[in-house]
Amino acid sequence: MYGLVGLVMSFLDKLFGSTTKKEEVKVTKLNIGIILGSTRQGRVSPQVGEWVKGIADKRGDVNYEIVDIADFKLPFLFTTDGSEPGIAAWGEKIDSLDGFVFIVQEYNHSITGALKNALDTAQAQWNNKAAGIVSYGSTGGARAAEHLRGILGELAVADIRTHPTLSLFTDFENGSDFKPQDLHLDNVNSMLDQVVSWSTALKTVRG
């Protein structure tokens, strides 16, 4: 009996291809950009960004990279003819990413002008992707983060609920040396879990 089954399976394999082996599916890792939201002299966003990246890299689930707005030297939107190489490079960078983590500082209850300009300088490249927010300020940057959520909604970016907030009083020494409390670690990982899940899902929407 088993010999007959084996002969049938062998015949079917030759006719239709293997019926016993699973097809190998090539899985490409997502690319998540950690966007530094400040360009001012003496900024602390690089410290916060590297801290988040250090936590993220230990996970090994996707590719994480620091994206520094300052490197692109973006002019204010519509103040030039738009031919600056940084504008095209910025659009290409955002297009290459599947999701984002924004490092956000609070100025007058909102985000920096540099970040708003960078968000406005790209358009379709943001669409149907996910983003997490890590903010800091005297009240943890919460008001800037809430303002950012409204902008991300208009850009068709799904913002993640979990939101690590860092205080200038308890997570920084002298307002400039970043020394985060350990309690933030779980929040950052929870936020990254959601960014990866939503980025994975939204990649299917983009096709």
Protein backbone atom coordinates (compact mmCIF):
# COMPACT_ATOMS: atom_id res chain seq x y z
CA MET A 1 0.00 0.00 0.00
CA TYR A 2 2.72 2.47 1.04
CA GLY A 3 4.68 1.53 -2.10
CA LEU A 4 1.71 2.53 -4.25
CA VAL A 5 1.35 5.83 -2.41
CA GLY A 6 5.05 6.48 -2.91
CA LEU A 7 4.77 5.82 -6.65
CA VAL A 8 1.78 8.18 -6.92
CA MET A 9 3.60 10.94 -4.99
CA SER A 10 6.67 10.50 -7.17
CA PHE A 11 4.55 10.74 -10.31
CA LEU A 12 2.81 13.89 -9.05
CA ASP A 13 6.15 15.46 -8.14
CA LYS A 14 7.41 14.93 -11.67
CA LEU A 15 4.18 16.21 -13.19
CA PHE A 16 3.49 19.25 -11.03
CA GLY A 17 6.69 19.80 -9.06
CA SER A 18 7.40 18.86 -5.48
CA THR A 19 4.30 18.32 -3.35
CA THR A 20 6.22 17.59 -0.18
CA LYS A 21 8.61 20.54 0.19
CA LYS A 22 7.51 23.99 1.21
CA GLU A 23 8.47 26.80 -1.12
CA GLU A 24 11.19 29.05 0.26
CA VAL A 25 10.01 32.61 0.70
CA LYS A 26 12.61 35.34 0.67
CA VAL A 27 11.92 37.79 3.49
CA THR A 28 13.35 41.29 3.18
CA LYS A 29 13.88 43.19 6.41
CA LEU A 30 12.04 46.46 6.87
CA ASN A 31 13.98 49.74 6.95
CA ILE A 32 13.07 52.07 9.81
CA GLY A 33 14.48 55.60 9.97
CA ILE A 34 15.10 57.31 13.31
CA ILE A 35 14.59 60.94 12.35
CA LEU A 36 16.34 63.65 14.37
CA GLY A 37 13.87 66.50 14.63
CA SER A 38 16.25 69.35 15.47
CA THR A 39 19.05 71.07 13.59
CA ARG A 40 20.10 73.77 16.08
CA GLN A 41 23.60 74.23 17.47
CA GLY A 42 24.06 72.34 20.74
CA ARG A 43 21.07 70.07 20.10
CA VAL A 44 20.69 66.91 22.14
CA SER A 45 18.62 64.95 19.61
CA PRO A 46 21.68 62.96 18.40
CA GLN A 47 22.11 61.59 21.94
CA VAL A 48 18.47 60.55 22.12
CA GLY A 49 18.52 59.11 18.61
CA GLU A 50 21.60 56.98 19.29
CA TRP A 51 20.04 55.73 22.52
CA VAL A 52 16.90 54.63 20.67
CA LYS A 53 19.00 53.03 17.92
CA GLY A 54 21.06 51.15 20.50
CA ILE A 55 17.90 49.64 21.96
CA ALA A 56 16.49 48.92 18.50
CA ASP A 57 19.63 47.26 17.13
CA LYS A 58 19.61 44.72 19.97
CA ARG A 59 16.24 43.46 18.73
CA GLY A 60 17.61 42.32 15.35
CA ASP A 61 14.15 42.42 13.78
CA VAL A 62 14.56 45.15 11.13
CA ASN A 63 17.18 47.59 9.81
CA TYR A 64 17.37 50.82 11.80
CA GLU A 65 19.26 53.96 10.76
CA ILE A 66 19.68 57.51 12.01
CA VAL A 67 18.30 60.09 9.57
CA ASP A 68 19.57 63.59 10.36
CA ILE A 69 17.59 66.41 8.76
CA ALA A 70 20.63 68.67 9.11
CA ASP A 71 22.59 66.54 6.61
CA PHE A 72 20.20 67.46 3.78
CA LYS A 73 20.41 71.27 4.17
CA LEU A 74 16.80 71.69 3.14
CA PRO A 75 15.72 75.23 2.20
CA PHE A 76 12.38 76.47 3.48
CA LEU A 77 9.64 75.13 1.26
CA PHE A 78 8.82 77.28 -1.79
CA THR A 79 11.57 79.83 -1.05
CA THR A 80 13.75 78.47 -3.89
CA ASP A 81 13.22 76.85 -7.26
CA GLY A 82 13.52 73.41 -5.64
CA SER A 83 16.64 72.38 -7.55
CA GLU A 84 18.84 71.91 -4.47
CA PRO A 85 20.27 68.37 -4.38
CA GLY A 86 19.27 67.97 -0.75
CA ILE A 87 15.58 68.14 -1.67
CA ALA A 88 15.81 65.22 -4.09
CA ALA A 89 18.04 63.28 -1.68
CA TRP A 90 15.55 63.82 1.14
CA GLY A 91 12.67 62.52 -0.96
CA GLU A 92 14.69 59.46 -1.97
CA LYS A 93 15.64 58.75 1.65
CA ILE A 94 12.06 58.94 2.91
CA ASP A 95 10.90 56.81 -0.02
CA SER A 96 13.45 54.11 0.89
CA LEU A 97 12.07 53.74 4.43
CA ASP A 98 9.17 51.57 5.55
CA GLY A 99 8.56 53.36 8.83
CA PHE A 100 9.88 56.02 11.18
CA VAL A 101 10.69 56.95 14.75
CA PHE A 102 10.63 60.71 15.25
CA ILE A 103 12.87 62.24 17.93
CA VAL A 104 10.85 65.30 18.87
CA GLN A 105 11.68 68.40 20.89
CA GLU A 106 9.06 70.82 22.17
CA TYR A 107 9.30 74.50 21.29
CA ASN A 108 6.36 76.75 22.19
CA HIS A 109 4.03 73.74 22.47
CA SER A 110 5.01 72.43 19.03
CA ILE A 111 7.71 70.78 16.91
CA THR A 112 10.70 72.59 15.46
CA GLY A 113 10.44 74.59 12.25
CA ALA A 114 13.13 72.34 10.76
CA LEU A 115 11.04 69.22 11.30
CA LYS A 116 7.85 70.84 9.98
CA ASN A 117 9.74 71.96 6.87
CA ALA A 118 11.20 68.47 6.38
CA LEU A 119 7.74 66.92 6.68
CA ASP A 120 6.35 69.37 4.11
CA THR A 121 9.26 68.94 1.69
CA ALA A 122 8.27 65.33 0.95
CA GLN A 123 4.71 64.25 0.29
CA ALA A 124 3.80 60.92 -1.31
CA GLN A 125 7.00 59.38 0.09
CA TRP A 126 5.44 59.46 3.58
CA ASN A 127 2.15 57.85 2.60
CA ASN A 128 0.94 54.53 4.03
CA LYS A 129 3.80 54.08 6.48
CA ALA A 130 3.94 53.95 10.28
CA ALA A 131 5.69 56.15 12.82
CA GLY A 132 6.53 56.15 16.49
CA ILE A 133 7.41 59.23 18.51
CA VAL A 134 10.00 59.75 21.24
CA SER A 135 9.72 63.25 22.67
CA TYR A 136 11.42 65.37 25.29
CA GLY A 137 10.95 68.72 26.97
CA SER A 138 9.89 70.30 30.24
CA THR A 139 6.64 68.30 30.07
CA GLY A 140 8.16 65.37 28.20
CA GLY A 141 7.50 67.00 24.84
CA ALA A 142 3.93 65.71 24.96
CA ARG A 143 2.37 68.81 23.38
CA ALA A 144 4.80 68.74 20.46
CA ALA A 145 4.05 65.06 19.93
CA GLU A 146 0.31 65.71 19.83
CA HIS A 147 0.84 68.46 17.27
CA LEU A 148 2.99 66.09 15.20
CA ARG A 149 0.25 63.45 15.20
CA GLY A 150 -2.09 65.84 13.38
CA ILE A 151 0.53 66.50 10.70
CA LEU A 152 1.27 62.79 10.27
CA GLY A 153 -2.43 62.10 9.81
CA GLU A 154 -2.54 64.55 6.88
CA LEU A 155 0.49 62.78 5.37
CA ALA A 156 -1.26 59.39 5.65
CA VAL A 157 1.22 58.16 8.26
CA ALA A 158 -0.16 55.85 10.95
CA ASP A 159 1.16 57.14 14.28
CA ILE A 160 1.78 54.61 17.04
CA ARG A 161 -0.04 54.94 20.37
CA THR A 162 2.85 54.04 22.72
CA HIS A 163 4.89 57.19 23.25
CA PRO A 164 8.07 57.38 25.36
CA THR A 165 8.36 60.86 26.94
CA LEU A 166 11.62 62.17 28.37
CA SER A 167 11.88 64.96 30.90
CA LEU A 168 14.53 67.67 30.81
CA PHE A 169 14.48 67.53 34.64
CA THR A 170 14.92 63.80 35.25
CA ASP A 171 16.48 62.38 32.06
CA PHE A 172 19.08 65.07 31.36
CA GLU A 173 21.83 66.55 33.51
CA ASN A 174 22.14 70.32 33.17
CA GLY A 175 19.64 70.13 30.34
CA SER A 176 22.24 68.80 27.94
CA ASP A 177 23.73 65.46 29.06
CA PHE A 178 21.26 62.71 28.28
CA LYS A 179 21.01 60.12 31.04
CA PRO A 180 17.66 58.34 30.61
CA GLN A 181 16.02 56.47 33.44
CA ASP A 182 15.77 52.70 33.03
CA LEU A 183 11.99 52.85 33.24
CA HIS A 184 11.86 54.09 29.62
CA LEU A 185 13.29 50.88 28.18
CA ASP A 186 10.02 48.92 28.19
CA ASN A 187 8.17 51.85 26.62
CA VAL A 188 10.70 52.17 23.79
CA ASN A 189 10.53 48.45 23.02
CA SER A 190 6.73 48.50 23.12
CA MET A 191 6.73 51.45 20.72
CA LEU A 192 9.13 49.64 18.38
CA ASP A 193 6.95 46.50 18.49
CA GLN A 194 4.05 48.57 17.20
CA VAL A 195 6.11 50.41 14.59
CA VAL A 196 7.35 47.11 13.15
CA SER A 197 3.87 45.52 13.19
CA TRP A 198 2.20 48.48 11.50
CA SER A 199 5.07 48.99 9.04
CA THR A 200 4.82 45.34 8.04
CA ALA A 201 1.08 45.60 7.49
CA LEU A 202 1.24 48.89 5.59
CA LYS A 203 3.90 47.58 3.24
CA THR A 204 1.22 45.34 1.77
CA VAL A 205 -0.95 48.42 1.17
CA ARG A 206 1.84 50.11 -0.81
CA GLY A 207 2.27 46.93 -2.90
